């Protein structure tokens, strides 16, 4: 059986619901509380590849840190942006679930079910 990984924020209802879906489907899950243990820039780059998205697609632009850390600067390279995201994990979309070389953002939580099919 493959293990899933969830980049989890226990204070987020969508993150809790996504984790509950994994658990109710008996999926062995590694829970990474990404605010406490932020993913590296390389990890985020791998996640973007699995999601087929750009780093900007993973940003929560409404967070204050988005602007204060300068992530609104469109001249940043992807890797510079990923590095800032790793340093300021609050701006990363949540939850992100990785399973069997695929990934989804669990907003809505039902997105996680596509990984389990």
Protein backbone atom coordinates (compact mmCIF):
# COMPACT_ATOMS: atom_id res chain seq x y z
CA UNK A 1 0.00 0.00 0.00
CA UNK A 2 1.31 3.46 -0.89
CA UNK A 3 1.57 6.20 1.65
CA UNK A 4 0.00 9.61 1.13
CA UNK A 5 1.51 12.84 2.34
CA UNK A 6 -0.60 15.78 3.44
CA UNK A 7 0.82 19.25 4.00
CA UNK A 8 -1.56 20.04 6.81
CA UNK A 9 -2.69 22.98 8.88
CA UNK A 10 -4.79 21.63 11.77
CA UNK A 11 -6.49 25.03 12.18
CA UNK A 12 -7.89 24.87 8.62
CA UNK A 13 -11.26 23.15 8.20
CA UNK A 14 -10.46 22.12 4.59
CA UNK A 15 -7.21 20.58 5.74
CA UNK A 16 -8.93 18.68 8.56
CA UNK A 17 -11.63 17.45 6.14
CA UNK A 18 -9.01 16.30 3.61
CA UNK A 19 -7.15 14.38 6.30
CA UNK A 20 -10.43 12.82 7.45
CA UNK A 21 -11.12 11.64 3.88
CA UNK A 22 -7.73 9.95 3.73
CA UNK A 23 -8.29 8.32 7.11
CA UNK A 24 -11.83 7.17 6.28
CA UNK A 25 -10.42 5.50 3.16
CA UNK A 26 -7.76 3.76 5.26
CA UNK A 27 -4.87 5.48 3.50
CA UNK A 28 -1.60 5.43 5.44
CA UNK A 29 -0.76 9.12 5.67
CA UNK A 30 2.29 11.10 6.63
CA UNK A 31 1.08 14.36 8.14
CA UNK A 32 3.42 17.30 7.68
CA UNK A 33 2.39 20.35 9.67
CA UNK A 34 3.90 22.65 7.08
CA UNK A 35 3.77 25.77 9.27
CA UNK A 36 6.06 24.00 11.75
CA UNK A 37 8.11 22.07 9.19
CA UNK A 38 8.01 24.03 5.94
CA UNK A 39 8.73 22.21 2.69
CA UNK A 40 12.00 23.19 1.04
CA UNK A 41 12.10 25.09 -2.23
CA UNK A 42 13.02 21.80 -3.93
CA UNK A 43 10.05 20.05 -2.31
CA UNK A 44 7.75 22.83 -3.50
CA UNK A 45 9.20 22.59 -6.99
CA UNK A 46 8.41 18.85 -7.02
CA UNK A 47 4.88 19.54 -5.78
CA UNK A 48 4.36 22.11 -8.54
CA UNK A 49 5.49 19.51 -11.09
CA UNK A 50 2.98 16.98 -9.70
CA UNK A 51 0.23 19.61 -9.75
CA UNK A 52 1.26 20.83 -13.22
CA UNK A 53 1.20 24.37 -11.90
CA UNK A 54 3.48 27.34 -11.49
CA UNK A 55 4.68 28.43 -8.06
CA UNK A 56 2.35 31.44 -8.27
CA UNK A 57 -0.60 29.03 -8.45
CA UNK A 58 0.31 27.81 -4.95
CA UNK A 59 0.22 31.27 -3.39
CA UNK A 60 -2.38 32.57 -0.97
CA UNK A 61 -2.16 36.16 -2.16
CA UNK A 62 -4.51 37.40 0.56
CA UNK A 63 -2.00 36.67 3.30
CA UNK A 64 -0.15 39.72 4.63
CA UNK A 65 3.19 37.93 4.21
CA UNK A 66 2.60 37.72 0.46
CA UNK A 67 3.27 41.44 0.09
CA UNK A 68 5.56 42.02 3.06
CA UNK A 69 7.94 39.29 1.84
CA UNK A 70 7.89 40.75 -1.67
CA UNK A 71 6.17 37.82 -3.35
CA UNK A 72 4.06 40.24 -5.36
CA UNK A 73 7.22 41.14 -7.31
CA UNK A 74 6.56 39.64 -10.74
CA UNK A 75 10.27 39.77 -11.63
CA UNK A 76 11.08 36.99 -9.14
CA UNK A 77 12.21 33.75 -10.74
CA UNK A 78 10.23 30.64 -9.93
CA UNK A 79 13.01 29.38 -7.68
CA UNK A 80 13.28 32.71 -5.83
CA UNK A 81 9.55 32.56 -5.25
CA UNK A 82 9.73 28.95 -4.05
CA UNK A 83 12.51 29.91 -1.64
CA UNK A 84 10.38 32.73 -0.21
CA UNK A 85 7.42 30.36 0.08
CA UNK A 86 9.57 27.94 2.07
CA UNK A 87 10.62 30.79 4.37
CA UNK A 88 7.00 32.03 4.72
CA UNK A 89 4.86 28.85 4.58
CA UNK A 90 1.68 30.66 5.59
CA UNK A 91 1.34 31.80 1.95
CA UNK A 92 1.21 28.21 0.62
CA UNK A 93 -2.19 26.88 -0.47
CA UNK A 94 -3.51 24.19 1.83
CA UNK A 95 -3.88 21.36 2.14
CA UNK A 96 -1.72 19.70 -0.47
CA UNK A 97 -2.06 15.94 -0.72
CA UNK A 98 0.48 13.80 -2.56
CA UNK A 99 -0.35 10.17 -3.34
CA UNK A 100 0.99 7.72 -5.94
CA UNK A 101 3.01 10.36 -7.84
CA UNK A 102 0.01 12.68 -8.08
CA UNK A 103 -1.02 15.71 -6.07
CA UNK A 104 -4.07 17.86 -5.45
CA UNK A 105 -4.95 20.89 -3.40
CA UNK A 106 -7.73 19.84 -1.04
CA UNK A 107 -9.92 22.85 -1.75
CA UNK A 108 -12.55 21.51 -1.80
CA UNK A 109 -11.63 18.41 0.21
CA UNK A 110 -13.41 16.24 -2.34
CA UNK A 111 -10.44 16.87 -4.68
CA UNK A 112 -8.61 14.29 -2.59
CA UNK A 113 -11.01 11.59 -3.78
CA UNK A 114 -9.60 11.92 -7.32
CA UNK A 115 -6.27 10.66 -6.00
CA UNK A 116 -7.90 7.60 -4.48
CA UNK A 117 -9.78 6.49 -7.61
